[in-house]
Protein backbone atom coordinates (compact mmCIF):
# COMPACT_ATOMS: atom_id res chain seq x y z
CA MET A 1 8.00 -3.53 33.15
CA ALA A 2 5.62 -0.29 32.01
CA PRO A 3 2.24 -1.45 31.13
CA HIS A 4 1.08 -1.29 27.55
CA ARG A 5 -0.95 1.68 26.37
CA THR A 6 -3.91 1.80 24.24
CA LEU A 7 -4.26 3.80 21.44
CA ARG A 8 -6.53 6.21 22.98
CA GLN A 9 -4.11 6.50 25.84
CA VAL A 10 -1.16 7.11 23.76
CA LYS A 11 -3.00 9.95 21.84
CA SER A 12 -4.35 11.62 24.92
CA LEU A 13 -0.72 11.87 26.05
CA GLY A 14 0.05 13.57 22.96
CA ASN A 15 3.27 11.23 22.15
CA PHE A 16 4.49 7.95 21.00
CA PRO A 17 7.62 5.81 21.75
CA ASP A 18 8.82 7.01 18.50
CA PRO A 19 7.74 8.76 15.25
CA PHE A 20 7.01 5.51 13.22
CA LEU A 21 4.57 4.29 15.50
CA GLY A 22 3.04 7.79 15.79
CA GLU A 23 2.82 7.65 11.88
CA ILE A 24 1.39 4.15 12.03
CA ALA A 25 -1.48 5.16 14.46
CA SER A 26 -2.33 8.20 12.25
CA GLN A 27 -3.33 6.13 9.11
CA PRO A 28 -7.04 6.38 9.73
CA GLU A 29 -6.68 10.38 9.72
CA ALA A 30 -4.75 10.25 6.78
CA LEU A 31 -7.39 8.04 5.36
CA ARG A 32 -9.98 10.25 5.97
CA ARG A 33 -8.32 13.63 5.10
CA ALA A 34 -7.34 12.25 1.70
CA ALA A 35 -11.13 11.16 0.84
CA THR A 36 -12.57 14.40 2.14
CA ALA A 37 -10.00 15.96 -0.03
CA LEU A 38 -11.47 14.56 -3.14
CA LEU A 39 -14.38 17.23 -2.52
CA GLU A 40 -12.02 20.19 -2.49
CA GLN A 41 -10.51 18.83 -5.57
CA ARG A 42 -13.80 18.35 -8.04
CA SER A 43 -12.60 20.12 -11.16
CA ALA A 44 -9.52 17.37 -11.13
CA LEU A 45 -12.15 14.45 -10.83
CA GLU A 46 -13.99 15.78 -13.66
CA GLY A 47 -11.07 16.17 -15.92
CA ILE A 48 -9.71 12.47 -14.91
CA ARG A 49 -13.28 11.35 -15.78
CA GLU A 50 -13.26 12.58 -19.31
CA ALA A 51 -9.95 11.51 -20.11
CA GLY A 52 -10.83 8.17 -18.85
CA ILE A 53 -13.62 8.05 -21.31
CA THR A 54 -11.37 8.66 -24.28
CA ALA A 55 -8.40 6.52 -23.14
CA HIS A 56 -7.71 3.38 -24.60
CA THR A 57 -5.52 2.28 -21.98
CA VAL A 58 -4.97 3.34 -18.42
CA VAL A 59 -1.11 2.80 -17.02
CA PHE A 60 -0.23 3.42 -13.54
CA THR A 61 3.36 3.91 -12.38
CA GLY A 62 5.46 4.74 -9.57
CA MET A 63 8.30 3.58 -7.68
CA GLY A 64 8.34 1.76 -4.36
CA SER A 65 5.39 2.09 -1.89
CA SER A 66 3.77 4.24 -4.68
CA TYR A 67 3.84 1.44 -7.04
CA ASP A 68 2.52 -0.86 -4.67
CA ALA A 69 -0.28 1.19 -3.63
CA CYS A 70 -1.50 0.90 -7.06
CA TYR A 71 -2.39 -2.79 -7.21
CA PRO A 72 -6.08 -2.74 -6.19
CA ALA A 73 -6.83 0.11 -8.87
CA VAL A 74 -5.45 -1.58 -11.49
CA ASN A 75 -7.00 -4.87 -10.61
CA ASP A 76 -10.47 -3.49 -10.05
CA LEU A 77 -10.26 -1.67 -14.04
CA ALA A 78 -8.96 -4.73 -15.25
CA GLY A 79 -11.46 -6.69 -13.81
CA ARG A 80 -14.19 -4.48 -15.51
CA GLY A 81 -12.58 -4.99 -18.72
CA VAL A 82 -10.82 -1.69 -18.68
CA PRO A 83 -7.28 -2.32 -20.48
CA SER A 84 -5.05 -1.21 -17.42
CA LEU A 85 -1.42 -1.85 -16.59
CA LEU A 86 1.01 -1.34 -13.69
CA VAL A 87 4.69 -0.73 -14.73
CA ASP A 88 7.22 0.44 -12.18
CA THR A 89 8.51 3.82 -13.34
CA ALA A 90 12.22 2.65 -14.12
CA GLU A 91 11.24 0.19 -16.62
CA LEU A 92 8.90 2.20 -18.04
CA LEU A 93 11.38 5.35 -18.16
CA HIS A 94 14.05 3.44 -20.00
CA PHE A 95 12.49 0.21 -21.79
CA ARG A 96 8.59 0.74 -22.24
CA ARG A 97 7.88 4.37 -22.62
CA PRO A 98 6.63 3.76 -26.53
CA ILE A 99 3.64 2.36 -25.04
CA LEU A 100 2.64 6.07 -23.69
CA GLY A 101 0.53 7.66 -26.32
CA PRO A 102 -2.13 10.36 -26.90
CA GLU A 103 -4.69 7.69 -26.07
CA THR A 104 -3.06 6.83 -22.73
CA LEU A 105 -4.14 7.89 -19.10
CA LEU A 106 -0.80 7.90 -17.13
CA ILE A 107 -1.40 7.71 -13.26
CA ILE A 108 1.64 8.74 -12.02
CA LEU A 109 1.90 8.20 -7.86
CA SER A 110 4.63 9.46 -5.94
CA GLN A 111 5.00 10.99 -2.28
CA SER A 112 7.42 13.38 -3.12
CA GLY A 113 6.74 13.82 -6.66
CA GLU A 114 10.79 14.39 -6.70
CA SER A 115 11.76 10.53 -7.13
CA ALA A 116 14.89 10.78 -9.54
CA GLU A 117 12.78 8.47 -12.14
CA ILE A 118 9.89 10.05 -11.85
CA VAL A 119 11.37 13.53 -12.48
CA LYS A 120 13.20 11.86 -15.62
CA LEU A 121 9.87 10.44 -17.00
CA VAL A 122 7.85 13.61 -17.00
CA GLY A 123 10.84 15.42 -18.39
CA GLU A 124 11.15 13.05 -21.50
CA LEU A 125 7.08 12.93 -21.87
CA SER A 126 7.11 17.09 -21.97
CA LYS A 127 9.11 16.60 -25.03
CA GLN A 128 7.29 13.91 -26.44
CA ARG A 129 5.04 14.34 -29.68
CA GLY A 130 1.71 12.92 -28.90
CA ARG A 131 2.24 12.45 -25.11
CA PRO A 132 -0.26 10.88 -22.64
CA THR A 133 -2.60 12.51 -20.56
CA VAL A 134 -0.68 12.69 -16.96
CA VAL A 135 -2.28 12.54 -13.61
CA SER A 136 -0.34 13.11 -10.66
CA ILE A 137 -0.94 11.93 -6.90
CA THR A 138 1.44 13.48 -4.65
CA ASN A 139 1.49 14.72 -0.91
CA GLY A 140 1.52 18.52 -1.74
CA LEU A 141 1.63 20.27 -4.63
CA GLU A 142 4.63 22.01 -5.12
CA ASN A 143 6.99 19.42 -6.91
CA ASP A 144 8.32 18.80 -10.04
CA LEU A 145 5.68 15.89 -10.70
CA ALA A 146 2.53 17.93 -9.94
CA LYS A 147 3.76 21.19 -11.70
CA ARG A 148 4.25 19.24 -15.15
CA ALA A 149 1.10 16.90 -14.67
CA ASP A 150 -2.08 17.89 -16.79
CA ILE A 151 -4.36 16.85 -13.71
CA ARG A 152 -3.13 16.90 -10.39
CA LEU A 153 -4.19 15.67 -6.99
CA ASP A 154 -3.11 16.28 -3.49
CA THR A 155 -3.38 13.61 -0.78
CA ARG A 156 -2.81 15.95 1.98
CA VAL A 157 -1.13 13.80 4.39
CA GLY A 158 1.45 16.41 5.48
CA LYS A 159 4.89 15.41 7.43
CA GLU A 160 6.07 11.55 7.23
CA THR A 161 9.66 10.69 8.11
CA GLY A 162 9.60 7.01 8.33
CA PRO A 163 8.60 4.18 5.69
CA SER A 164 5.50 5.05 4.05
CA THR A 165 2.20 4.53 6.44
CA MET A 166 0.07 7.59 6.09
CA THR A 167 1.32 8.48 2.36
CA PHE A 168 0.51 4.52 1.50
CA ALA A 169 -2.93 4.80 3.03
CA ALA A 170 -3.79 8.24 1.44
CA ALA A 171 -2.97 7.40 -1.89
CA MET A 172 -5.12 4.27 -2.03
CA ALA A 173 -8.00 6.32 -1.08
CA GLN A 174 -7.47 8.67 -3.84
CA LEU A 175 -6.63 6.03 -6.45
CA SER A 176 -9.91 4.23 -5.41
CA GLY A 177 -11.51 6.98 -6.42
CA ILE A 178 -9.73 7.28 -9.98
CA ALA A 179 -10.68 3.70 -10.52
CA ARG A 180 -14.38 4.53 -10.00
CA LEU A 181 -14.50 7.21 -12.10
CA VAL A 182 -12.58 5.53 -15.10
CA ALA A 183 -14.69 2.85 -14.64
CA GLY A 184 -17.87 4.94 -15.01
CA ASP A 185 -19.02 6.39 -12.08
CA GLY A 186 -20.24 9.97 -11.97
CA VAL A 187 -17.80 12.36 -9.79
CA ASP A 188 -20.32 12.86 -6.93
CA THR A 189 -20.89 8.97 -6.69
CA ALA A 190 -17.20 8.24 -6.72
CA ILE A 191 -16.59 10.74 -4.00
CA ASP A 192 -19.39 9.57 -1.94
CA ARG A 193 -18.47 5.80 -2.43
CA THR A 194 -14.72 6.67 -1.51
CA ARG A 195 -15.31 8.41 1.38
CA THR A 196 -17.71 5.55 2.91
CA ALA A 197 -14.75 3.17 2.21
CA ALA A 198 -12.10 5.51 3.59
CA GLU A 199 -14.23 5.69 7.04
CA GLY A 200 -14.70 2.01 6.99
CA ALA A 201 -11.10 1.31 6.58
CA ALA A 202 -10.19 3.84 9.00
CA GLN A 203 -12.52 2.54 11.64
CA ALA A 204 -10.65 -0.90 11.07
CA VAL A 205 -7.46 0.45 11.65
CA GLU A 206 -8.22 1.93 14.84
CA ARG A 207 -9.59 -1.28 15.79
CA LEU A 208 -6.19 -3.21 14.86
CA LEU A 209 -4.34 -0.23 16.49
CA ASP A 210 -6.32 -0.32 20.09
CA ASP A 211 -3.15 -1.56 21.94
CA PRO A 212 -0.39 -1.33 19.64
CA GLU A 213 2.37 -1.92 21.71
CA ALA A 214 0.89 -5.19 23.07
CA SER A 215 -0.20 -6.11 19.37
CA ALA A 216 3.48 -5.46 18.38
CA ALA A 217 4.68 -7.70 21.13
CA GLU A 218 2.71 -10.67 20.28
CA LEU A 219 3.58 -10.50 16.74
CA ALA A 220 7.08 -10.33 17.20
CA GLU A 221 7.24 -13.33 19.77
CA PHE A 222 5.39 -15.55 17.29
CA LEU A 223 7.16 -14.44 13.92
CA GLY A 224 10.45 -12.78 15.30
CA GLY A 225 13.75 -14.59 14.96
CA LYS A 226 13.39 -16.59 11.95
CA GLY A 227 15.84 -16.74 9.06
CA VAL A 228 13.36 -16.43 6.10
CA THR A 229 10.34 -13.80 6.26
CA VAL A 230 7.85 -13.82 3.48
CA VAL A 231 4.70 -12.01 2.89
CA LEU A 232 2.39 -13.71 0.27
CA GLY A 233 -0.72 -12.07 -1.35
CA ARG A 234 -3.02 -12.22 -4.71
CA GLY A 235 -4.55 -9.72 -6.51
CA PRO A 236 -5.61 -6.44 -4.85
CA ALA A 237 -3.76 -8.19 -1.61
CA ARG A 238 -0.68 -7.67 -3.27
CA ALA A 239 -0.48 -4.08 -2.24
CA ALA A 240 -0.04 -5.12 1.62
CA ALA A 241 1.99 -7.80 0.62
CA GLU A 242 4.86 -5.85 -1.25
CA MET A 243 4.59 -3.17 1.01
CA GLY A 244 4.92 -5.03 4.23
CA ALA A 245 7.87 -6.86 2.84
CA LEU A 246 9.16 -3.61 2.02
CA THR A 247 8.58 -1.89 5.28
CA LEU A 248 10.12 -4.82 6.99
CA LYS A 249 13.32 -4.17 5.08
CA GLU A 250 13.43 -0.77 5.62
CA CYS A 251 13.47 -1.79 9.29
CA GLY A 252 16.19 -3.82 8.69
CA VAL A 253 14.53 -7.22 8.48
CA MET A 254 15.37 -9.36 5.42
CA ALA A 255 11.87 -10.17 3.93
CA GLU A 256 10.37 -11.09 0.54
CA SER A 257 6.72 -10.78 -1.20
CA PHE A 258 5.43 -13.27 -3.14
CA GLU A 259 2.39 -13.62 -5.43
CA SER A 260 0.79 -16.65 -3.54
CA GLY A 261 0.48 -18.68 -6.50
CA ALA A 262 4.06 -18.24 -7.61
CA PHE A 263 5.32 -19.06 -4.10
CA ARG A 264 4.59 -22.68 -4.89
CA HIS A 265 6.70 -22.96 -7.91
CA GLY A 266 10.05 -23.03 -6.11
CA PRO A 267 9.86 -20.89 -3.22
CA MET A 268 7.91 -23.20 -1.38
CA GLU A 269 11.27 -25.18 -1.01
CA LEU A 270 12.10 -22.58 2.01
CA ALA A 271 9.21 -23.51 4.33
CA GLY A 272 9.89 -25.05 7.32
CA PRO A 273 10.92 -24.00 11.39
CA GLN A 274 13.10 -21.17 9.85
CA MET A 275 10.29 -19.48 8.09
CA ALA A 276 7.75 -16.94 9.15
CA ALA A 277 4.95 -16.55 6.93
CA VAL A 278 2.26 -13.65 6.41
CA VAL A 279 -0.23 -14.99 4.37
CA LEU A 280 -2.90 -12.61 3.16
CA ALA A 281 -6.20 -14.60 2.65
CA THR A 282 -8.29 -11.39 1.87
CA GLU A 283 -9.54 -11.89 -1.57
CA PRO A 284 -12.84 -14.04 -2.18
CA GLU A 285 -11.68 -15.53 -5.54
CA THR A 286 -8.76 -17.17 -3.95
CA ARG A 287 -9.30 -17.58 -0.33
CA ARG A 288 -9.65 -20.98 -0.05
CA LEU A 289 -6.47 -21.54 -2.16
CA ASP A 290 -4.78 -18.95 0.09
CA LEU A 291 -5.88 -20.72 3.48
CA GLY A 292 -4.73 -24.17 2.02
CA LEU A 293 -1.35 -22.41 1.55
CA ALA A 294 -1.43 -21.17 4.98
CA ALA A 295 -2.30 -24.74 6.36
CA ASP A 296 0.64 -26.32 4.03
CA LEU A 297 3.15 -23.87 5.36
CA VAL A 298 1.98 -24.71 8.96
CA GLU A 299 2.51 -28.14 8.27
CA ALA A 300 5.96 -27.67 7.37
CA GLY A 301 6.68 -26.12 10.49
CA ALA A 302 6.66 -22.22 9.79
CA ALA A 303 5.18 -19.89 11.97
CA VAL A 304 2.28 -18.52 9.92
CA LEU A 305 -0.05 -15.38 10.52
CA VAL A 306 -2.93 -15.32 8.56
CA ILE A 307 -5.00 -12.24 8.02
CA THR A 308 -8.43 -12.66 6.63
CA PRO A 309 -11.82 -10.69 7.36
CA ASP A 310 -13.23 -12.86 9.76
CA GLY A 311 -10.09 -14.14 11.49
CA GLU A 312 -10.66 -18.11 9.75
CA SER A 313 -7.20 -19.34 9.76
CA PRO A 314 -5.74 -23.31 9.97
CA LYS A 315 -4.79 -24.78 13.19
CA GLY A 316 -1.65 -23.88 14.69
CA ALA A 317 -1.47 -20.19 12.55
CA HIS A 318 -1.69 -16.97 14.49
CA ALA A 319 -4.89 -15.09 12.92
CA VAL A 320 -5.83 -11.65 12.58
CA ALA A 321 -9.38 -10.49 11.33
CA THR A 322 -9.51 -7.12 9.48
CA GLY A 323 -13.53 -6.95 9.29
CA TYR A 324 -15.15 -6.89 5.75
CA GLN A 325 -13.77 -3.94 3.62
CA ASP A 326 -14.45 -2.43 0.42
CA ARG A 327 -11.68 -4.32 -1.31
CA ALA A 328 -10.05 -1.24 -2.75
CA LEU A 329 -9.13 -0.13 0.58
CA MET A 330 -8.49 -3.66 2.02
CA SER A 331 -4.68 -3.55 1.91
CA THR A 332 -4.85 -0.28 4.14
CA VAL A 333 -6.08 -2.65 6.87
CA ALA A 334 -4.35 -5.91 6.34
CA ILE A 335 -0.71 -4.38 6.29
CA VAL A 336 -1.38 -2.94 9.92
CA PRO A 337 0.01 -5.95 11.64
CA VAL A 338 3.07 -6.05 9.48
CA GLN A 339 3.67 -2.37 10.11
CA LEU A 340 3.32 -3.02 13.85
CA LEU A 341 5.94 -6.55 13.37
CA ALA A 342 8.54 -4.22 11.57
CA TRP A 343 8.30 -1.46 14.11
CA LYS A 344 8.87 -4.30 16.93
CA LEU A 345 11.76 -6.12 15.14
CA ALA A 346 13.60 -2.86 14.37
CA ALA A 347 13.36 -2.18 18.02
CA ALA A 348 14.63 -5.37 19.20
CA GLY A 349 17.33 -5.62 16.50
CA GLY A 350 19.00 -2.15 18.35
CA ARG A 351 17.64 -0.08 15.39
CA ALA A 352 15.74 3.12 15.73
CA PRO A 353 12.37 1.95 14.04
CA GLY A 354 11.68 4.02 11.00
CA VAL A 355 14.88 5.77 10.90
CA TYR A 356 16.83 5.48 7.72
CA THR A 357 20.59 4.45 7.83
CA ARG A 358 21.41 3.91 4.18
CA ALA A 359 18.40 4.66 2.28
CA SER A 360 16.54 7.90 2.11
CA LYS A 361 12.82 8.88 2.37
CA VAL A 362 13.17 10.70 -1.20
CA THR A 363 15.15 9.13 -3.80
CA THR A 364 16.73 11.46 -5.87
CA ARG A 365 19.14 9.21 -7.94
CA GLU A 366 18.95 6.27 -10.25
């Protein structure tokens, strides 16, 4: 068997076992690039800050990973008393569009800017009298969403072919900057704080990826082969929980995400030796609750991975420490073990990791 290679060794060889692992390993640079890109998009940030001053409500929307990435920003603003909502674009388009008026700041996140629901929503808004101010966050600006938005930001990720990794991290970096602006930070302060947070998260991701193949193998040995896989998180950590379960599904592993509190209201019946559970205990307000849930799952016989800043976990669980991060970007770090697990389980199941067989990178039909 070939020895595992560290991230530094793999990078020095200029290749990875497959593109998906390469994209996972490229997230630190995507974080740095997206945060630094804000320096060159200052006029857009000034426009967002001005719009935030007059807006009565901030609505975040997206589909799939783009929706998931919004959790920390909407929680941050709501926690500061800024009326903020997160609504997936399909629901917003067909059932809730009347909430979007001239006093709404609408932040639309889309990797491609060409997703079916996104394109249809901005088309309908263009015909609406008294429309909201539309801010787009996309990977590149040559897309339908960016062209129709009032204010546009470019994450500058570049090419990504597999499940969202770099685009997820980069979008969260820029969303954290937007939240700071709407909450009242000046443009320079928002940029500086975002770059500092992104650098801290990037370094933490690099530490978790020091030996990615060995880490993935260890996680798969502990969590693989179970009939039920769940990823649990609260508040801002729901970004990593929802995105983690989505990534597992995109790699052919049936997994579900639950808000940790809601998990006790019924789904707890699934707990047992056939369950693999990832518990994200990263939020200080609910850390003890989440560690208690992890302990109960271990007691029920489940294989439990606990992700915390300091590595604390109940006896019998597997622990991963993220280090203490800016909470706006904690999910960009906390999701890495789940990404590695998905990569390894896909290969073990006979799939090409990160390669779609029925879904697609850009969803152009509803």
